[in-house]
Amino acid sequence: MKITIDEDRCRGHGVCCTIGPEVFDLNDDGYAVTEQSEVPQEFESAARSAARSCPERAIT
């Protein structure tokens, strides 16, 4: 599964980091980033949940 974060939409709420800390992190400016364009299978559920929970719908 591939994941992307729309940098223009992210507002740094950090919900994704709370739900999927194995997949998401915050950069120095407080916005979501991911080191993984391909999410390992064991973290796919967390990544999907984070995408659904993102208040800005910045994760696809």
PDB file of N, CA and C in Angstrom:
ATOM      1  N   MET A   1       0.850  -1.176   0.000  1.00  0.00           N
ATOM      2  CA  MET A   1       0.000   0.000   0.000  1.00  0.00           C
ATOM      3  C   MET A   1       0.897   1.240   0.000  1.00  0.00           C
ATOM      4  N   LYS A   2       0.545   2.196  -0.851  1.00  0.00           N
ATOM      5  CA  LYS A   2       1.289   3.458  -0.913  1.00  0.00           C
ATOM      6  C   LYS A   2       0.542   4.516  -0.117  1.00  0.00           C
ATOM      7  N   ILE A   3       1.283   5.454   0.426  1.00  0.00           N
ATOM      8  CA  ILE A   3       0.678   6.531   1.201  1.00  0.00           C
ATOM      9  C   ILE A   3       1.334   7.853   0.832  1.00  0.00           C
ATOM     10  N   THR A   4       0.523   8.897   0.764  1.00  0.00           N
ATOM     11  CA  THR A   4       1.045  10.234   0.507  1.00  0.00           C
ATOM     12  C   THR A   4       0.384  11.218   1.464  1.00  0.00           C
ATOM     13  N   ILE A   5       1.095  12.288   1.737  1.00  0.00           N
ATOM     14  CA  ILE A   5       0.573  13.362   2.579  1.00  0.00           C
ATOM     15  C   ILE A   5       0.592  14.635   1.747  1.00  0.00           C
ATOM     16  N   ASP A   6      -0.556  15.265   1.631  1.00  0.00           N
ATOM     17  CA  ASP A   6      -0.665  16.525   0.901  1.00  0.00           C
ATOM     18  C   ASP A   6      -0.159  17.639   1.819  1.00  0.00           C
ATOM     19  N   GLU A   7       1.022  18.120   1.541  1.00  0.00           N
ATOM     20  CA  GLU A   7       1.655  19.131   2.392  1.00  0.00           C
ATOM     21  C   GLU A   7       0.866  20.436   2.443  1.00  0.00           C
ATOM     22  N   ASP A   8       0.109  20.719   1.393  1.00  0.00           N
ATOM     23  CA  ASP A   8      -0.691  21.946   1.373  1.00  0.00           C
ATOM     24  C   ASP A   8      -1.921  21.843   2.274  1.00  0.00           C
ATOM     25  N   ARG A   9      -2.391  20.622   2.511  1.00  0.00           N
ATOM     26  CA  ARG A   9      -3.593  20.430   3.336  1.00  0.00           C
ATOM     27  C   ARG A   9      -3.273  20.200   4.808  1.00  0.00           C
ATOM     28  N   CYS A  10      -2.127  19.579   5.104  1.00  0.00           N
ATOM     29  CA  CYS A  10      -1.779  19.245   6.486  1.00  0.00           C
ATOM     30  C   CYS A  10      -1.650  20.523   7.314  1.00  0.00           C
ATOM     31  N   ARG A  11      -2.260  20.485   8.490  1.00  0.00           N
ATOM     32  CA  ARG A  11      -2.208  21.635   9.402  1.00  0.00           C
ATOM     33  C   ARG A  11      -1.534  21.282  10.729  1.00  0.00           C
ATOM     34  N   GLY A  12      -0.965  20.082  10.799  1.00  0.00           N
ATOM     35  CA  GLY A  12      -0.180  19.706  11.964  1.00  0.00           C
ATOM     36  C   GLY A  12      -0.979  19.304  13.191  1.00  0.00           C
ATOM     37  N   HIS A  13      -2.168  18.769  12.993  1.00  0.00           N
ATOM     38  CA  HIS A  13      -2.974  18.331  14.137  1.00  0.00           C
ATOM     39  C   HIS A  13      -2.319  17.161  14.871  1.00  0.00           C
ATOM     40  N   GLY A  14      -1.599  16.311  14.158  1.00  0.00           N
ATOM     41  CA  GLY A  14      -0.890  15.198  14.762  1.00  0.00           C
ATOM     42  C   GLY A  14      -1.718  13.960  15.032  1.00  0.00           C
ATOM     43  N   VAL A  15      -2.949  13.933  14.556  1.00  0.00           N
ATOM     44  CA  VAL A  15      -3.809  12.770  14.760  1.00  0.00           C
ATOM     45  C   VAL A  15      -3.155  11.530  14.150  1.00  0.00           C
ATOM     46  N   CYS A  16      -2.564  11.676  12.993  1.00  0.00           N
ATOM     47  CA  CYS A  16      -1.937  10.542  12.321  1.00  0.00           C
ATOM     48  C   CYS A  16      -0.798   9.955  13.153  1.00  0.00           C
ATOM     49  N   CYS A  17      -0.042  10.811  13.788  1.00  0.00           N
ATOM     50  CA  CYS A  17       1.074  10.350  14.624  1.00  0.00           C
ATOM     51  C   CYS A  17       0.577   9.606  15.855  1.00  0.00           C
ATOM     52  N   THR A  18      -0.549  10.011  16.374  1.00  0.00           N
ATOM     53  CA  THR A  18      -1.132   9.331  17.524  1.00  0.00           C
ATOM     54  C   THR A  18      -1.633   7.947  17.134  1.00  0.00           C
ATOM     55  N   ILE A  19      -2.264   7.855  15.968  1.00  0.00           N
ATOM     56  CA  ILE A  19      -2.844   6.589  15.516  1.00  0.00           C
ATOM     57  C   ILE A  19      -1.784   5.653  14.940  1.00  0.00           C
ATOM     58  N   GLY A  20      -0.864   6.188  14.178  1.00  0.00           N
ATOM     59  CA  GLY A  20       0.136   5.352  13.498  1.00  0.00           C
ATOM     60  C   GLY A  20       1.550   5.859  13.661  1.00  0.00           C
ATOM     61  N   PRO A  21       2.080   5.836  14.878  1.00  0.00           N
ATOM     62  CA  PRO A  21       3.440   6.360  15.084  1.00  0.00           C
ATOM     63  C   PRO A  21       4.521   5.576  14.335  1.00  0.00           C
ATOM     64  N   GLU A  22       4.199   4.362  13.901  1.00  0.00           N
ATOM     65  CA  GLU A  22       5.154   3.571  13.128  1.00  0.00           C
ATOM     66  C   GLU A  22       5.248   4.066  11.691  1.00  0.00           C
ATOM     67  N   VAL A  23       4.242   4.816  11.261  1.00  0.00           N
ATOM     68  CA  VAL A  23       4.162   5.264   9.871  1.00  0.00           C
ATOM     69  C   VAL A  23       4.395   6.768   9.745  1.00  0.00           C
ATOM     70  N   PHE A  24       3.892   7.535  10.711  1.00  0.00           N
ATOM     71  CA  PHE A  24       3.912   8.994  10.607  1.00  0.00           C
ATOM     72  C   PHE A  24       4.794   9.632  11.672  1.00  0.00           C
ATOM     73  N   ASP A  25       5.297  10.807  11.341  1.00  0.00           N
ATOM     74  CA  ASP A  25       6.083  11.608  12.265  1.00  0.00           C
ATOM     75  C   ASP A  25       5.770  13.070  11.949  1.00  0.00           C
ATOM     76  N   LEU A  26       6.221  13.960  12.794  1.00  0.00           N
ATOM     77  CA  LEU A  26       6.078  15.389  12.528  1.00  0.00           C
ATOM     78  C   LEU A  26       7.446  15.967  12.197  1.00  0.00           C
ATOM     79  N   ASN A  27       7.486  16.847  11.205  1.00  0.00           N
ATOM     80  CA  ASN A  27       8.754  17.484  10.867  1.00  0.00           C
ATOM     81  C   ASN A  27       9.042  18.621  11.854  1.00  0.00           C
ATOM     82  N   ASP A  28      10.118  19.331  11.655  1.00  0.00           N
ATOM     83  CA  ASP A  28      10.519  20.407  12.568  1.00  0.00           C
ATOM     84  C   ASP A  28       9.500  21.537  12.641  1.00  0.00           C
ATOM     85  N   ASP A  29       8.671  21.669  11.609  1.00  0.00           N
ATOM     86  CA  ASP A  29       7.640  22.705  11.592  1.00  0.00           C
ATOM     87  C   ASP A  29       6.314  22.217  12.161  1.00  0.00           C
ATOM     88  N   GLY A  30       6.248  20.931  12.553  1.00  0.00           N
ATOM     89  CA  GLY A  30       5.041  20.384  13.167  1.00  0.00           C
ATOM     90  C   GLY A  30       4.039  19.790  12.200  1.00  0.00           C
ATOM     91  N   TYR A  31       4.466  19.536  10.962  1.00  0.00           N
ATOM     92  CA  TYR A  31       3.571  18.952   9.963  1.00  0.00           C
ATOM     93  C   TYR A  31       3.898  17.479   9.738  1.00  0.00           C
ATOM     94  N   ALA A  32       2.886  16.723   9.357  1.00  0.00           N
ATOM     95  CA  ALA A  32       3.045  15.282   9.174  1.00  0.00           C
ATOM     96  C   ALA A  32       3.982  14.952   8.020  1.00  0.00           C
ATOM     97  N   VAL A  33       4.788  13.939   8.243  1.00  0.00           N
ATOM     98  CA  VAL A  33       5.667  13.386   7.221  1.00  0.00           C
ATOM     99  C   VAL A  33       5.679  11.873   7.393  1.00  0.00           C
ATOM    100  N   THR A  34       6.113  11.197   6.365  1.00  0.00           N
ATOM    101  CA  THR A  34       6.320   9.758   6.453  1.00  0.00           C
ATOM    102  C   THR A  34       7.596   9.420   5.716  1.00  0.00           C
ATOM    103  N   GLU A  35       8.343   8.521   6.274  1.00  0.00           N
ATOM    104  CA  GLU A  35       9.576   8.060   5.636  1.00  0.00           C
ATOM    105  C   GLU A  35       9.271   6.951   4.649  1.00  0.00           C
ATOM    106  N   GLN A  36       8.042   6.435   4.698  1.00  0.00           N
ATOM    107  CA  GLN A  36       7.685   5.255   3.929  1.00  0.00           C
ATOM    108  C   GLN A  36       6.645   5.584   2.861  1.00  0.00           C
ATOM    109  N   SER A  37       7.015   5.466   1.608  1.00  0.00           N
ATOM    110  CA  SER A  37       5.996   5.604   0.572  1.00  0.00           C
ATOM    111  C   SER A  37       5.220   4.299   0.459  1.00  0.00           C
ATOM    112  N   GLU A  38       5.875   3.193   0.790  1.00  0.00           N
ATOM    113  CA  GLU A  38       5.233   1.878   0.828  1.00  0.00           C
ATOM    114  C   GLU A  38       5.063   1.488   2.288  1.00  0.00           C
ATOM    115  N   VAL A  39       3.829   1.354   2.737  1.00  0.00           N
ATOM    116  CA  VAL A  39       3.547   1.005   4.128  1.00  0.00           C
ATOM    117  C   VAL A  39       3.631  -0.511   4.289  1.00  0.00           C
ATOM    118  N   PRO A  40       4.428  -0.987   5.249  1.00  0.00           N
ATOM    119  CA  PRO A  40       4.477  -2.432   5.499  1.00  0.00           C
ATOM    120  C   PRO A  40       3.089  -2.954   5.876  1.00  0.00           C
ATOM    121  N   GLN A  41       2.823  -4.183   5.491  1.00  0.00           N
ATOM    122  CA  GLN A  41       1.502  -4.768   5.681  1.00  0.00           C
ATOM    123  C   GLN A  41       1.029  -4.693   7.127  1.00  0.00           C
ATOM    124  N   GLU A  42       1.920  -4.875   8.083  1.00  0.00           N
ATOM    125  CA  GLU A  42       1.508  -4.866   9.486  1.00  0.00           C
ATOM    126  C   GLU A  42       1.043  -3.492   9.973  1.00  0.00           C
ATOM    127  N   PHE A  43       1.332  -2.435   9.211  1.00  0.00           N
ATOM    128  CA  PHE A  43       0.922  -1.085   9.606  1.00  0.00           C
ATOM    129  C   PHE A  43      -0.175  -0.502   8.716  1.00  0.00           C
ATOM    130  N   GLU A  44      -0.673  -1.283   7.763  1.00  0.00           N
ATOM    131  CA  GLU A  44      -1.697  -0.783   6.848  1.00  0.00           C
ATOM    132  C   GLU A  44      -2.970  -0.362   7.564  1.00  0.00           C
ATOM    133  N   SER A  45      -3.397  -1.109   8.543  1.00  0.00           N
ATOM    134  CA  SER A  45      -4.620  -0.769   9.275  1.00  0.00           C
ATOM    135  C   SER A  45      -4.477   0.574   9.972  1.00  0.00           C
ATOM    136  N   ALA A  46      -3.348   0.809  10.605  1.00  0.00           N
ATOM    137  CA  ALA A  46      -3.104   2.089  11.283  1.00  0.00           C
ATOM    138  C   ALA A  46      -3.046   3.234  10.273  1.00  0.00           C
ATOM    139  N   ALA A  47      -2.428   2.999   9.128  1.00  0.00           N
ATOM    140  CA  ALA A  47      -2.333   4.040   8.100  1.00  0.00           C
ATOM    141  C   ALA A  47      -3.716   4.399   7.562  1.00  0.00           C
ATOM    142  N   ARG A  48      -4.552   3.394   7.330  1.00  0.00           N
ATOM    143  CA  ARG A  48      -5.919   3.656   6.848  1.00  0.00           C
ATOM    144  C   ARG A  48      -6.728   4.408   7.901  1.00  0.00           C
ATOM    145  N   SER A  49      -6.592   4.006   9.142  1.00  0.00           N
ATOM    146  CA  SER A  49      -7.308   4.670  10.228  1.00  0.00           C
ATOM    147  C   SER A  49      -6.860   6.128  10.354  1.00  0.00           C
ATOM    148  N   ALA A  50      -5.579   6.369  10.235  1.00  0.00           N
ATOM    149  CA  ALA A  50      -5.057   7.738  10.300  1.00  0.00           C
ATOM    150  C   ALA A  50      -5.600   8.579   9.147  1.00  0.00           C
ATOM    151  N   ALA A  51      -5.655   7.993   7.952  1.00  0.00           N
ATOM    152  CA  ALA A  51      -6.184   8.724   6.795  1.00  0.00           C
ATOM    153  C   ALA A  51      -7.651   9.092   7.011  1.00  0.00           C
ATOM    154  N   ARG A  52      -8.426   8.155   7.534  1.00  0.00           N
ATOM    155  CA  ARG A  52      -9.843   8.432   7.799  1.00  0.00           C
ATOM    156  C   ARG A  52     -10.026   9.479   8.906  1.00  0.00           C
ATOM    157  N   SER A  53      -9.093   9.517   9.842  1.00  0.00           N
ATOM    158  CA  SER A  53      -9.223  10.403  11.004  1.00  0.00           C
ATOM    159  C   SER A  53      -8.614  11.783  10.790  1.00  0.00           C
ATOM    160  N   CYS A  54      -7.889  11.967   9.719  1.00  0.00           N
ATOM    161  CA  CYS A  54      -7.236  13.260   9.468  1.00  0.00           C
ATOM    162  C   CYS A  54      -8.296  14.342   9.258  1.00  0.00           C
ATOM    163  N   PRO A  55      -8.308  15.362  10.126  1.00  0.00           N
ATOM    164  CA  PRO A  55      -9.329  16.407   9.992  1.00  0.00           C
ATOM    165  C   PRO A  55      -9.217  17.217   8.693  1.00  0.00           C
ATOM    166  N   GLU A  56      -8.049  17.234   8.089  1.00  0.00           N
ATOM    167  CA  GLU A  56      -7.845  17.994   6.855  1.00  0.00           C
ATOM    168  C   GLU A  56      -7.896  17.113   5.603  1.00  0.00           C
ATOM    169  N   ARG A  57      -8.065  15.803   5.798  1.00  0.00           N
ATOM    170  CA  ARG A  57      -8.067  14.851   4.682  1.00  0.00           C
ATOM    171  C   ARG A  57      -6.812  14.972   3.837  1.00  0.00           C
ATOM    172  N   ALA A  58      -5.667  15.105   4.523  1.00  0.00           N
ATOM    173  CA  ALA A  58      -4.398  15.303   3.850  1.00  0.00           C
ATOM    174  C   ALA A  58      -3.679  14.000   3.503  1.00  0.00           C
ATOM    175  N   ILE A  59      -4.188  12.871   3.994  1.00  0.00           N
ATOM    176  CA  ILE A  59      -3.519  11.584   3.796  1.00  0.00           C
ATOM    177  C   ILE A  59      -4.309  10.733   2.810  1.00  0.00           C
ATOM    178  N   THR A  60      -3.621  10.239   1.793  1.00  0.00           N
ATOM    179  CA  THR A  60      -4.246   9.297   0.856  1.00  0.00           C
ATOM    180  C   THR A  60      -3.340   8.095   0.699  1.00  0.00           C
TER     181      THR A  60
END
